[in-house]
C-alpha atoms as a PDB file:
ATOM      1  CA  UNK A   1     -11.498 -41.996 -38.897  1.00  0.00           C
ATOM      2  CA  UNK A   2     -11.510 -44.059 -35.665  1.00  0.00           C
ATOM      3  CA  UNK A   3     -13.108 -44.253 -32.364  1.00  0.00           C
ATOM      4  CA  UNK A   4     -10.817 -43.712 -29.670  1.00  0.00           C
ATOM      5  CA  UNK A   5     -13.155 -43.257 -26.441  1.00  0.00           C
ATOM      6  CA  UNK A   6     -15.772 -45.515 -25.990  1.00  0.00           C
ATOM      7  CA  UNK A   7     -17.846 -42.768 -24.179  1.00  0.00           C
ATOM      8  CA  UNK A   8     -21.294 -42.812 -25.606  1.00  0.00           C
ATOM      9  CA  UNK A   9     -23.320 -39.288 -25.767  1.00  0.00           C
ATOM     10  CA  UNK A  10     -19.689 -37.576 -24.768  1.00  0.00           C
ATOM     11  CA  UNK A  11     -20.779 -33.806 -24.227  1.00  0.00           C
ATOM     12  CA  UNK A  12     -17.805 -32.086 -23.159  1.00  0.00           C
ATOM     13  CA  UNK A  13     -14.130 -32.822 -24.827  1.00  0.00           C
ATOM     14  CA  UNK A  14     -10.993 -31.412 -23.544  1.00  0.00           C
ATOM     15  CA  UNK A  15      -7.382 -31.577 -24.741  1.00  0.00           C
ATOM     16  CA  UNK A  16      -3.698 -30.483 -23.404  1.00  0.00           C
ATOM     17  CA  UNK A  17      -0.370 -31.667 -24.975  1.00  0.00           C
ATOM     18  CA  UNK A  18      -0.473 -35.093 -23.821  1.00  0.00           C
ATOM     19  CA  UNK A  19      -3.981 -36.375 -23.940  1.00  0.00           C
ATOM     20  CA  UNK A  20      -7.928 -36.023 -25.237  1.00  0.00           C
ATOM     21  CA  UNK A  21     -10.383 -35.959 -22.038  1.00  0.00           C
ATOM     22  CA  UNK A  22     -14.314 -37.172 -22.559  1.00  0.00           C
ATOM     23  CA  UNK A  23     -16.771 -35.953 -19.796  1.00  0.00           C
ATOM     24  CA  UNK A  24     -19.638 -38.239 -20.185  1.00  0.00           C
ATOM     25  CA  UNK A  25     -22.922 -39.628 -18.436  1.00  0.00           C
ATOM     26  CA  UNK A  26     -22.039 -43.703 -17.957  1.00  0.00           C
ATOM     27  CA  UNK A  27     -25.299 -45.233 -17.914  1.00  0.00           C
ATOM     28  CA  UNK A  28     -23.755 -48.714 -17.905  1.00  0.00           C
ATOM     29  CA  UNK A  29     -23.240 -48.005 -14.123  1.00  0.00           C
ATOM     30  CA  UNK A  30     -26.306 -47.674 -11.263  1.00  0.00           C
ATOM     31  CA  UNK A  31     -26.861 -44.252 -10.853  1.00  0.00           C
ATOM     32  CA  UNK A  32     -25.396 -42.964 -14.083  1.00  0.00           C
ATOM     33  CA  UNK A  33     -22.801 -41.132 -12.657  1.00  0.00           C
ATOM     34  CA  UNK A  34     -20.559 -38.600 -14.914  1.00  0.00           C
ATOM     35  CA  UNK A  35     -16.911 -39.485 -15.843  1.00  0.00           C
ATOM     36  CA  UNK A  36     -13.811 -38.239 -17.305  1.00  0.00           C
ATOM     37  CA  UNK A  37     -11.991 -40.602 -19.626  1.00  0.00           C
ATOM     38  CA  UNK A  38      -8.500 -39.736 -21.113  1.00  0.00           C
ATOM     39  CA  UNK A  39      -6.928 -40.911 -24.258  1.00  0.00           C
ATOM     40  CA  UNK A  40      -3.027 -40.685 -23.806  1.00  0.00           C
ATOM     41  CA  UNK A  41      -2.143 -39.412 -27.469  1.00  0.00           C
ATOM     42  CA  UNK A  42       1.517 -41.525 -27.313  1.00  0.00           C
ATOM     43  CA  UNK A  43       0.332 -44.562 -26.300  1.00  0.00           C
ATOM     44  CA  UNK A  44      -3.436 -44.920 -26.496  1.00  0.00           C
ATOM     45  CA  UNK A  45      -3.531 -45.666 -23.480  1.00  0.00           C
ATOM     46  CA  UNK A  46      -7.266 -44.798 -21.764  1.00  0.00           C
ATOM     47  CA  UNK A  47      -8.199 -44.529 -18.165  1.00  0.00           C
ATOM     48  CA  UNK A  48     -11.268 -43.339 -16.328  1.00  0.00           C
ATOM     49  CA  UNK A  49     -12.145 -41.254 -13.303  1.00  0.00           C
ATOM     50  CA  UNK A  50     -14.181 -42.311 -10.552  1.00  0.00           C
ATOM     51  CA  UNK A  51     -17.940 -41.357 -11.093  1.00  0.00           C
ATOM     52  CA  UNK A  52     -19.145 -37.884  -9.646  1.00  0.00           C
ATOM     53  CA  UNK A  53     -22.343 -35.635 -10.326  1.00  0.00           C
ATOM     54  CA  UNK A  54     -22.432 -32.397 -12.675  1.00  0.00           C
ATOM     55  CA  UNK A  55     -20.588 -32.209 -15.788  1.00  0.00           C
ATOM     56  CA  UNK A  56     -22.484 -29.687 -17.949  1.00  0.00           C
ATOM     57  CA  UNK A  57     -19.066 -27.813 -18.469  1.00  0.00           C
ATOM     58  CA  UNK A  58     -15.271 -28.472 -18.402  1.00  0.00           C
ATOM     59  CA  UNK A  59     -12.193 -26.599 -18.490  1.00  0.00           C
ATOM     60  CA  UNK A  60      -8.372 -27.793 -18.542  1.00  0.00           C
ATOM     61  CA  UNK A  61      -6.069 -25.604 -17.264  1.00  0.00           C
ATOM     62  CA  UNK A  62      -2.354 -25.741 -15.106  1.00  0.00           C
ATOM     63  CA  UNK A  63      -2.616 -29.751 -15.082  1.00  0.00           C
ATOM     64  CA  UNK A  64      -6.062 -30.050 -13.738  1.00  0.00           C
ATOM     65  CA  UNK A  65      -9.371 -30.534 -15.101  1.00  0.00           C
ATOM     66  CA  UNK A  66     -12.403 -28.414 -13.459  1.00  0.00           C
ATOM     67  CA  UNK A  67     -15.863 -29.504 -13.986  1.00  0.00           C
ATOM     68  CA  UNK A  68     -19.192 -28.216 -12.619  1.00  0.00           C
ATOM     69  CA  UNK A  69     -21.432 -29.935 -10.257  1.00  0.00           C
ATOM     70  CA  UNK A  70     -24.162 -29.113 -12.411  1.00  0.00           C
ATOM     71  CA  UNK A  71     -25.307 -31.646 -15.015  1.00  0.00           C
ATOM     72  CA  UNK A  72     -26.039 -31.219 -18.798  1.00  0.00           C
ATOM     73  CA  UNK A  73     -29.700 -30.835 -18.130  1.00  0.00           C
ATOM     74  CA  UNK A  74     -28.763 -28.010 -16.039  1.00  0.00           C
ATOM     75  CA  UNK A  75     -31.682 -29.110 -13.372  1.00  0.00           C
ATOM     76  CA  UNK A  76     -29.606 -31.597 -11.390  1.00  0.00           C
ATOM     77  CA  UNK A  77     -26.545 -31.039  -9.095  1.00  0.00           C
ATOM     78  CA  UNK A  78     -24.891 -29.568  -6.580  1.00  0.00           C
ATOM     79  CA  UNK A  79     -23.581 -26.070  -6.064  1.00  0.00           C
ATOM     80  CA  UNK A  80     -19.556 -27.056  -6.653  1.00  0.00           C
ATOM     81  CA  UNK A  81     -16.845 -27.256  -8.837  1.00  0.00           C
ATOM     82  CA  UNK A  82     -14.977 -30.253  -8.906  1.00  0.00           C
ATOM     83  CA  UNK A  83     -11.365 -30.939  -9.979  1.00  0.00           C
ATOM     84  CA  UNK A  84      -9.199 -33.625 -10.944  1.00  0.00           C
ATOM     85  CA  UNK A  85      -5.418 -34.286 -11.808  1.00  0.00           C
ATOM     86  CA  UNK A  86      -4.940 -34.381 -15.540  1.00  0.00           C
ATOM     87  CA  UNK A  87      -2.259 -37.588 -15.349  1.00  0.00           C
ATOM     88  CA  UNK A  88      -4.143 -40.094 -13.485  1.00  0.00           C
ATOM     89  CA  UNK A  89      -7.985 -38.471 -13.204  1.00  0.00           C
ATOM     90  CA  UNK A  90      -7.547 -38.573  -9.331  1.00  0.00           C
ATOM     91  CA  UNK A  91      -9.832 -35.919  -7.575  1.00  0.00           C
ATOM     92  CA  UNK A  92      -8.086 -33.148  -5.910  1.00  0.00           C
ATOM     93  CA  UNK A  93     -10.597 -30.602  -4.474  1.00  0.00           C
ATOM     94  CA  UNK A  94     -14.091 -29.450  -4.273  1.00  0.00           C
ATOM     95  CA  UNK A  95     -14.833 -25.606  -4.292  1.00  0.00           C
ATOM     96  CA  UNK A  96     -18.027 -24.800  -3.181  1.00  0.00           C
ATOM     97  CA  UNK A  97     -19.866 -21.960  -4.541  1.00  0.00           C
ATOM     98  CA  UNK A  98     -23.163 -19.396  -3.541  1.00  0.00           C
ATOM     99  CA  UNK A  99     -25.046 -20.296  -6.749  1.00  0.00           C
ATOM    100  CA  UNK A 100     -25.253 -22.960  -9.521  1.00  0.00           C
ATOM    101  CA  UNK A 101     -22.290 -23.355 -11.667  1.00  0.00           C
ATOM    102  CA  UNK A 102     -23.613 -23.355 -15.361  1.00  0.00           C
ATOM    103  CA  UNK A 103     -20.520 -22.488 -17.553  1.00  0.00           C
ATOM    104  CA  UNK A 104     -16.869 -22.207 -16.857  1.00  0.00           C
ATOM    105  CA  UNK A 105     -14.060 -20.565 -19.153  1.00  0.00           C
ATOM    106  CA  UNK A 106     -10.254 -20.554 -18.328  1.00  0.00           C
ATOM    107  CA  UNK A 107      -7.345 -18.338 -18.669  1.00  0.00           C
ATOM    108  CA  UNK A 108      -3.568 -19.418 -17.784  1.00  0.00           C
ATOM    109  CA  UNK A 109      -4.079 -17.714 -14.160  1.00  0.00           C
ATOM    110  CA  UNK A 110      -8.148 -18.046 -13.527  1.00  0.00           C
ATOM    111  CA  UNK A 111     -10.961 -19.821 -13.862  1.00  0.00           C
ATOM    112  CA  UNK A 112     -14.539 -17.611 -14.805  1.00  0.00           C
ATOM    113  CA  UNK A 113     -17.784 -19.423 -13.473  1.00  0.00           C
ATOM    114  CA  UNK A 114     -21.220 -18.713 -14.779  1.00  0.00           C
ATOM    115  CA  UNK A 115     -24.465 -18.598 -12.645  1.00  0.00           C
ATOM    116  CA  UNK A 116     -27.537 -17.718 -12.551  1.00  0.00           C
ATOM    117  CA  UNK A 117     -27.246 -13.553 -12.141  1.00  0.00           C
ATOM    118  CA  UNK A 118     -23.289 -13.609 -11.415  1.00  0.00           C
ATOM    119  CA  UNK A 119     -20.339 -14.498 -12.748  1.00  0.00           C
ATOM    120  CA  UNK A 120     -17.338 -15.218 -10.514  1.00  0.00           C
ATOM    121  CA  UNK A 121     -13.432 -15.409 -10.879  1.00  0.00           C
ATOM    122  CA  UNK A 122     -11.371 -17.976  -9.246  1.00  0.00           C
ATOM    123  CA  UNK A 123      -7.632 -18.160  -9.125  1.00  0.00           C
ATOM    124  CA  UNK A 124      -6.318 -21.526  -9.864  1.00  0.00           C
ATOM    125  CA  UNK A 125      -6.419 -22.719  -6.192  1.00  0.00           C
ATOM    126  CA  UNK A 126      -9.850 -22.427  -6.428  1.00  0.00           C
ATOM    127  CA  UNK A 127     -10.335 -19.113  -4.123  1.00  0.00           C
ATOM    128  CA  UNK A 128     -13.363 -16.782  -5.520  1.00  0.00           C
ATOM    129  CA  UNK A 129     -11.565 -13.563  -5.786  1.00  0.00           C
ATOM    130  CA  UNK A 130     -14.015 -11.522  -8.130  1.00  0.00           C
ATOM    131  CA  UNK A 131     -17.863 -11.516  -8.051  1.00  0.00           C
ATOM    132  CA  UNK A 132     -19.774  -9.757 -10.614  1.00  0.00           C
ATOM    133  CA  UNK A 133     -23.353  -9.546 -11.393  1.00  0.00           C
ATOM    134  CA  UNK A 134     -24.804  -9.942 -14.605  1.00  0.00           C
ATOM    135  CA  UNK A 135     -29.020  -9.850 -15.472  1.00  0.00           C
ATOM    136  CA  UNK A 136     -29.913 -13.695 -16.096  1.00  0.00           C
ATOM    137  CA  UNK A 137     -28.377 -17.036 -16.325  1.00  0.00           C
ATOM    138  CA  UNK A 138     -24.968 -17.045 -17.336  1.00  0.00           C
ATOM    139  CA  UNK A 139     -24.679 -20.289 -18.950  1.00  0.00           C
ATOM    140  CA  UNK A 140     -22.595 -19.446 -22.235  1.00  0.00           C
ATOM    141  CA  UNK A 141     -18.830 -18.307 -21.489  1.00  0.00           C
ATOM    142  CA  UNK A 142     -16.169 -18.277 -23.805  1.00  0.00           C
ATOM    143  CA  UNK A 143     -12.127 -16.561 -23.955  1.00  0.00           C
ATOM    144  CA  UNK A 144     -10.265 -15.258 -26.735  1.00  0.00           C
ATOM    145  CA  UNK A 145      -6.984 -17.374 -27.679  1.00  0.00           C
ATOM    146  CA  UNK A 146      -4.827 -14.510 -25.864  1.00  0.00           C
ATOM    147  CA  UNK A 147      -6.939 -14.847 -22.765  1.00  0.00           C
ATOM    148  CA  UNK A 148      -7.648 -10.904 -23.312  1.00  0.00           C
ATOM    149  CA  UNK A 149     -11.425 -10.679 -23.509  1.00  0.00           C
ATOM    150  CA  UNK A 150     -14.071 -12.805 -21.715  1.00  0.00           C
ATOM    151  CA  UNK A 151     -17.584 -13.280 -23.802  1.00  0.00           C
ATOM    152  CA  UNK A 152     -20.523 -14.036 -21.635  1.00  0.00           C
ATOM    153  CA  UNK A 153     -23.991 -14.740 -23.066  1.00  0.00           C
ATOM    154  CA  UNK A 154     -27.005 -14.427 -20.431  1.00  0.00           C
ATOM    155  CA  UNK A 155     -30.622 -15.351 -20.855  1.00  0.00           C
ATOM    156  CA  UNK A 156     -33.555 -15.810 -18.696  1.00  0.00           C
ATOM    157  CA  UNK A 157     -34.592 -18.602 -16.918  1.00  0.00           C
ATOM    158  CA  UNK A 158     -36.246 -20.246 -18.996  1.00  0.00           C
ATOM    159  CA  UNK A 159     -34.179 -20.900 -22.385  1.00  0.00           C
ATOM    160  CA  UNK A 160     -36.711 -20.459 -24.604  1.00  0.00           C
ATOM    161  CA  UNK A 161     -37.292 -17.255 -24.050  1.00  0.00           C
ATOM    162  CA  UNK A 162     -35.312 -14.450 -25.858  1.00  0.00           C
ATOM    163  CA  UNK A 163     -31.332 -13.733 -25.004  1.00  0.00           C
ATOM    164  CA  UNK A 164     -30.405 -11.084 -22.765  1.00  0.00           C
ATOM    165  CA  UNK A 165     -27.714 -10.431 -25.009  1.00  0.00           C
ATOM    166  CA  UNK A 166     -23.794 -10.575 -25.507  1.00  0.00           C
ATOM    167  CA  UNK A 167     -21.261  -8.966 -23.150  1.00  0.00           C
ATOM    168  CA  UNK A 168     -17.395  -8.433 -23.868  1.00  0.00           C
ATOM    169  CA  UNK A 169     -15.194  -8.191 -20.517  1.00  0.00           C
ATOM    170  CA  UNK A 170     -11.864  -7.591 -19.784  1.00  0.00           C
ATOM    171  CA  UNK A 171     -10.671 -11.508 -19.048  1.00  0.00           C
ATOM    172  CA  UNK A 172      -8.705 -10.440 -15.995  1.00  0.00           C
ATOM    173  CA  UNK A 173     -10.646  -8.572 -14.292  1.00  0.00           C
ATOM    174  CA  UNK A 174     -14.150  -8.805 -15.774  1.00  0.00           C
ATOM    175  CA  UNK A 175     -14.866  -5.181 -16.521  1.00  0.00           C
ATOM    176  CA  UNK A 176     -17.502  -4.852 -19.127  1.00  0.00           C
ATOM    177  CA  UNK A 177     -15.988  -3.082 -22.831  1.00  0.00           C
ATOM    178  CA  UNK A 178     -18.890  -3.753 -24.594  1.00  0.00           C
ATOM    179  CA  UNK A 179     -22.563  -4.902 -24.937  1.00  0.00           C
ATOM    180  CA  UNK A 180     -24.215  -6.291 -27.962  1.00  0.00           C
ATOM    181  CA  UNK A 181     -27.919  -5.871 -28.596  1.00  0.00           C
ATOM    182  CA  UNK A 182     -27.790  -8.846 -31.192  1.00  0.00           C
ATOM    183  CA  UNK A 183     -30.454 -10.933 -30.353  1.00  0.00           C
ATOM    184  CA  UNK A 184     -31.331 -14.236 -32.586  1.00  0.00           C
ATOM    185  CA  UNK A 185     -34.693 -14.615 -30.637  1.00  0.00           C
ATOM    186  CA  UNK A 186     -33.328 -17.704 -28.211  1.00  0.00           C
ATOM    187  CA  UNK A 187     -30.799 -18.266 -25.936  1.00  0.00           C
ATOM    188  CA  UNK A 188     -27.375 -19.185 -27.232  1.00  0.00           C
ATOM    189  CA  UNK A 189     -26.189 -22.369 -27.871  1.00  0.00           C
ATOM    190  CA  UNK A 190     -22.432 -21.949 -27.511  1.00  0.00           C
ATOM    191  CA  UNK A 191     -19.882 -19.440 -28.060  1.00  0.00           C
ATOM    192  CA  UNK A 192     -16.636 -19.859 -29.954  1.00  0.00           C
ATOM    193  CA  UNK A 193     -14.110 -16.727 -29.391  1.00  0.00           C
ATOM    194  CA  UNK A 194     -11.144 -15.952 -31.878  1.00  0.00           C
ATOM    195  CA  UNK A 195      -8.564 -13.133 -32.032  1.00  0.00           C
ATOM    196  CA  UNK A 196     -11.057 -10.839 -34.167  1.00  0.00           C
ATOM    197  CA  UNK A 197     -14.430 -11.652 -31.856  1.00  0.00           C
ATOM    198  CA  UNK A 198     -16.865 -14.415 -31.253  1.00  0.00           C
ATOM    199  CA  UNK A 199     -19.033 -16.722 -33.252  1.00  0.00           C
ATOM    200  CA  UNK A 200     -22.355 -17.169 -31.392  1.00  0.00           C
ATOM    201  CA  UNK A 201     -24.692 -20.394 -32.323  1.00  0.00           C
ATOM    202  CA  UNK A 202     -28.480 -20.046 -31.710  1.00  0.00           C
ATOM    203  CA  UNK A 203     -31.725 -21.535 -32.417  1.00  0.00           C
ATOM    204  CA  UNK A 204     -33.465 -19.153 -34.702  1.00  0.00           C
ATOM    205  CA  UNK A 205     -36.963 -20.713 -34.932  1.00  0.00           C
ATOM    206  CA  UNK A 206     -37.211 -23.985 -37.127  1.00  0.00           C
ATOM    207  CA  UNK A 207     -33.815 -23.565 -38.060  1.00  0.00           C
ATOM    208  CA  UNK A 208     -30.309 -22.375 -36.398  1.00  0.00           C
ATOM    209  CA  UNK A 209     -27.404 -20.322 -37.423  1.00  0.00           C
ATOM    210  CA  UNK A 210     -23.825 -19.347 -36.160  1.00  0.00           C
ATOM    211  CA  UNK A 211     -23.107 -15.179 -36.270  1.00  0.00           C
ATOM    212  CA  UNK A 212     -19.605 -13.478 -36.245  1.00  0.00           C
ATOM    213  CA  UNK A 213     -19.569 -10.735 -33.693  1.00  0.00           C
ATOM    214  CA  UNK A 214     -16.915  -8.248 -34.039  1.00  0.00           C
ATOM    215  CA  UNK A 215     -14.679  -7.716 -30.782  1.00  0.00           C
ATOM    216  CA  UNK A 216     -14.254  -4.030 -29.491  1.00  0.00           C
ATOM    217  CA  UNK A 217     -17.675  -3.060 -29.692  1.00  0.00           C
ATOM    218  CA  UNK A 218     -19.687  -6.442 -30.525  1.00  0.00           C
ATOM    219  CA  UNK A 219     -20.669  -5.133 -33.810  1.00  0.00           C
ATOM    220  CA  UNK A 220     -22.696  -7.643 -35.719  1.00  0.00           C
ATOM    221  CA  UNK A 221     -21.448  -8.593 -39.087  1.00  0.00           C
ATOM    222  CA  UNK A 222     -24.833 -10.126 -40.703  1.00  0.00           C
ATOM    223  CA  UNK A 223     -22.861 -11.363 -43.740  1.00  0.00           C
ATOM    224  CA  UNK A 224     -20.561 -13.947 -41.795  1.00  0.00           C
ATOM    225  CA  UNK A 225     -23.376 -16.568 -41.139  1.00  0.00           C
ATOM    226  CA  UNK A 226     -23.284 -20.489 -41.121  1.00  0.00           C
ATOM    227  CA  UNK A 227     -26.885 -22.238 -41.371  1.00  0.00           C
ATOM    228  CA  UNK A 228     -27.828 -24.949 -39.599  1.00  0.00           C
ATOM    229  CA  UNK A 229     -30.249 -26.685 -37.351  1.00  0.00           C
ATOM    230  CA  UNK A 230     -31.872 -25.721 -33.993  1.00  0.00           C
ATOM    231  CA  UNK A 231     -28.805 -27.429 -32.041  1.00  0.00           C
ATOM    232  CA  UNK A 232     -26.153 -25.901 -34.050  1.00  0.00           C
ATOM    233  CA  UNK A 233     -22.630 -25.229 -31.926  1.00  0.00           C
ATOM    234  CA  UNK A 234     -19.473 -23.773 -32.823  1.00  0.00           C
ATOM    235  CA  UNK A 235     -16.061 -24.159 -31.612  1.00  0.00           C
ATOM    236  CA  UNK A 236     -12.502 -22.731 -32.452  1.00  0.00           C
ATOM    237  CA  UNK A 237      -9.804 -24.677 -32.503  1.00  0.00           C
ATOM    238  CA  UNK A 238      -6.769 -25.524 -34.681  1.00  0.00           C
ATOM    239  CA  UNK A 239      -7.177 -22.156 -36.342  1.00  0.00           C
ATOM    240  CA  UNK A 240     -10.509 -23.396 -37.813  1.00  0.00           C
ATOM    241  CA  UNK A 241     -13.706 -22.900 -37.042  1.00  0.00           C
ATOM    242  CA  UNK A 242     -15.373 -26.527 -36.777  1.00  0.00           C
ATOM    243  CA  UNK A 243     -19.589 -26.375 -36.344  1.00  0.00           C
ATOM    244  CA  UNK A 244     -21.939 -29.136 -35.338  1.00  0.00           C
ATOM    245  CA  UNK A 245     -25.712 -29.415 -36.394  1.00  0.00           C
ATOM    246  CA  UNK A 246     -25.983 -28.610 -39.750  1.00  0.00           C
ATOM    247  CA  UNK A 247     -26.380 -31.682 -41.497  1.00  0.00           C
ATOM    248  CA  UNK A 248     -29.866 -33.510 -41.244  1.00  0.00           C
ATOM    249  CA  UNK A 249     -28.703 -37.218 -42.818  1.00  0.00           C
ATOM    250  CA  UNK A 250     -26.303 -38.426 -39.847  1.00  0.00           C
ATOM    251  CA  UNK A 251     -23.507 -37.047 -38.040  1.00  0.00           C
ATOM    252  CA  UNK A 252     -21.814 -34.243 -40.004  1.00  0.00           C
ATOM    253  CA  UNK A 253     -18.731 -31.862 -38.902  1.00  0.00           C
ATOM    254  CA  UNK A 254     -17.999 -28.797 -40.862  1.00  0.00           C
ATOM    255  CA  UNK A 255     -15.209 -26.733 -41.160  1.00  0.00           C
ATOM    256  CA  UNK A 256     -15.370 -22.875 -41.966  1.00  0.00           C
ATOM    257  CA  UNK A 257     -13.056 -20.287 -42.265  1.00  0.00           C
ATOM    258  CA  UNK A 258     -13.177 -18.331 -38.716  1.00  0.00           C
ATOM    259  CA  UNK A 259     -12.665 -15.271 -40.344  1.00  0.00           C
ATOM    260  CA  UNK A 260     -15.357 -15.318 -42.684  1.00  0.00           C
ATOM    261  CA  UNK A 261     -17.528 -18.182 -42.244  1.00  0.00           C
ATOM    262  CA  UNK A 262     -16.595 -19.548 -45.885  1.00  0.00           C
ATOM    263  CA  UNK A 263     -17.573 -23.426 -45.499  1.00  0.00           C
ATOM    264  CA  UNK A 264     -14.608 -25.467 -46.739  1.00  0.00           C
ATOM    265  CA  UNK A 265     -16.363 -28.803 -46.258  1.00  0.00           C
ATOM    266  CA  UNK A 266     -18.995 -30.698 -44.540  1.00  0.00           C
ATOM    267  CA  UNK A 267     -17.581 -34.161 -43.370  1.00  0.00           C
ATOM    268  CA  UNK A 268     -19.711 -36.897 -42.778  1.00  0.00           C
ATOM    269  CA  UNK A 269     -18.835 -38.891 -40.162  1.00  0.00           C
ATOM    270  CA  UNK A 270     -19.542 -43.071 -40.532  1.00  0.00           C
ATOM    271  CA  UNK A 271     -22.233 -44.331 -38.429  1.00  0.00           C
ATOM    272  CA  UNK A 272     -20.216 -47.648 -37.706  1.00  0.00           C
ATOM    273  CA  UNK A 273     -18.016 -45.071 -36.071  1.00  0.00           C
ATOM    274  CA  UNK A 274     -19.702 -42.129 -34.593  1.00  0.00           C
ATOM    275  CA  UNK A 275     -23.364 -43.713 -34.198  1.00  0.00           C
ATOM    276  CA  UNK A 276     -26.520 -42.915 -35.994  1.00  0.00           C
ATOM    277  CA  UNK A 277     -27.553 -39.616 -33.622  1.00  0.00           C
ATOM    278  CA  UNK A 278     -28.359 -36.840 -35.777  1.00  0.00           C
ATOM    279  CA  UNK A 279     -26.616 -34.393 -34.371  1.00  0.00           C
ATOM    280  CA  UNK A 280     -23.012 -34.880 -32.786  1.00  0.00           C
ATOM    281  CA  UNK A 281     -23.336 -34.602 -29.156  1.00  0.00           C
ATOM    282  CA  UNK A 282     -20.835 -32.220 -27.838  1.00  0.00           C
ATOM    283  CA  UNK A 283     -17.296 -30.610 -28.101  1.00  0.00           C
ATOM    284  CA  UNK A 284     -14.772 -30.325 -31.302  1.00  0.00           C
ATOM    285  CA  UNK A 285     -10.653 -30.236 -30.204  1.00  0.00           C
ATOM    286  CA  UNK A 286      -7.668 -30.156 -32.415  1.00  0.00           C
ATOM    287  CA  UNK A 287      -4.511 -32.146 -31.210  1.00  0.00           C
ATOM    288  CA  UNK A 288      -1.802 -32.742 -34.008  1.00  0.00           C
ATOM    289  CA  UNK A 289      -3.243 -33.722 -37.525  1.00  0.00           C
ATOM    290  CA  UNK A 290      -6.789 -35.114 -36.255  1.00  0.00           C
ATOM    291  CA  UNK A 291      -9.632 -33.378 -34.504  1.00  0.00           C
ATOM    292  CA  UNK A 292     -11.392 -35.135 -32.035  1.00  0.00           C
ATOM    293  CA  UNK A 293     -15.789 -34.989 -32.133  1.00  0.00           C
ATOM    294  CA  UNK A 294     -17.993 -35.904 -29.355  1.00  0.00           C
ATOM    295  CA  UNK A 295     -20.442 -38.080 -31.090  1.00  0.00           C
ATOM    296  CA  UNK A 296     -23.102 -40.359 -29.528  1.00  0.00           C
ATOM    297  CA  UNK A 297     -20.882 -43.574 -29.704  1.00  0.00           C
ATOM    298  CA  UNK A 298     -17.959 -41.570 -27.865  1.00  0.00           C
ATOM    299  CA  UNK A 299     -14.792 -39.813 -29.315  1.00  0.00           C
ATOM    300  CA  UNK A 300     -13.848 -40.238 -32.502  1.00  0.00           C
ATOM    301  CA  UNK A 301     -10.817 -38.999 -34.592  1.00  0.00           C
ATOM    302  CA  UNK A 302     -11.119 -37.181 -38.068  1.00  0.00           C
ATOM    303  CA  UNK A 303      -7.881 -36.376 -39.646  1.00  0.00           C
ATOM    304  CA  UNK A 304      -7.624 -32.597 -40.224  1.00  0.00           C
ATOM    305  CA  UNK A 305      -6.651 -32.722 -44.165  1.00  0.00           C
ATOM    306  CA  UNK A 306     -10.394 -33.947 -44.736  1.00  0.00           C
ATOM    307  CA  UNK A 307     -11.108 -30.015 -44.251  1.00  0.00           C
ATOM    308  CA  UNK A 308     -10.376 -29.068 -47.905  1.00  0.00           C
ATOM    309  CA  UNK A 309     -12.457 -26.930 -50.046  1.00  0.00           C
ATOM    310  CA  UNK A 310     -14.638 -29.127 -51.740  1.00  0.00           C
END
C-alpha cells in the first residue's frame, strides 16, 4: 500500500483512464479552500487546481470534472457548479443554478444535479435542459453502469429525520419508474448502483448498514445486508462492492460480492499510510490492478489482489 496523494481528509475521489483525482479541503492555506489534485497513473506526476469554494460532490465526464459549489457540510457555498479540465485542472466554466447543488451524477451525455426540492439535468455545456420536482433534499444520486437508471434519495431538511425514500428514474429523461417505501430510519449516506439495482447505506441507530434494493420495482432484498457503523458508505467500482465504515479499530476497507453482499475480506489500512482516523473519509475508485481510497492522510493505493476470500 502506498500514499499517492497528500490530500488530507479527501472527501471525493474520481478516476479516468489517465489519472486519479482527489477533491479535498486545503487547511494548510489561508481561507481553507477546496482543491482538486491529480495523480498521473503513468508518470506519478501530481498537480493541483487553484482554490475554490464547494466540493460536496464531484463527477468526471467528457474530459471535465464538475464539482458542486456547496461544501461537504452542505451549509456553506454558492449556488453554482464549477467545471475543470481534467488534463491540467484549469477552470473552464461556472454554471449558476436556482438551488444549492447537493449531489451530482453523470451519464456520457448529461449531468444530474440534486438540490432542495428539485433535480436538474444539464447538458455537457452546462445548460439546464430539464427540471423535476422531488420531495425534500436530493443529496444522494447514482447512475447504473449502463447509464439507464438514475437513483435519487431524498430526506427532510434535517438529515436526522427519516428518509423520504428512494426513487428509480430514467437516466435520460428523469421520468419516474418506481418508488421504494424502504426506510432505514435515517437519511441515506451513499448510493452505489449496479446493473441489478442499488446498494443504499445509512445509519440505523447506534449502528449502520448497507441494503440492496432491486431495480425494476425497487423491491428490498433483506437477505442482502452488510452491517457497519453510522458512517458506513458503499461504492461499486471494478466489478466489486467496496464498503467503508465497517471497522472500529482504525481505517478498514471491506470488499464484497455486489450481487449477494457476501464479504470477501476486511482490509486494514496501515495507520502510517492512511492515517489514524477511525473512518475512511471519502470514496473508492478502481484503476488497473489497484483501488484508490480516500483516507485521513490522503489517497491510498491498495492492490485489488488483497480482496480475496479469507
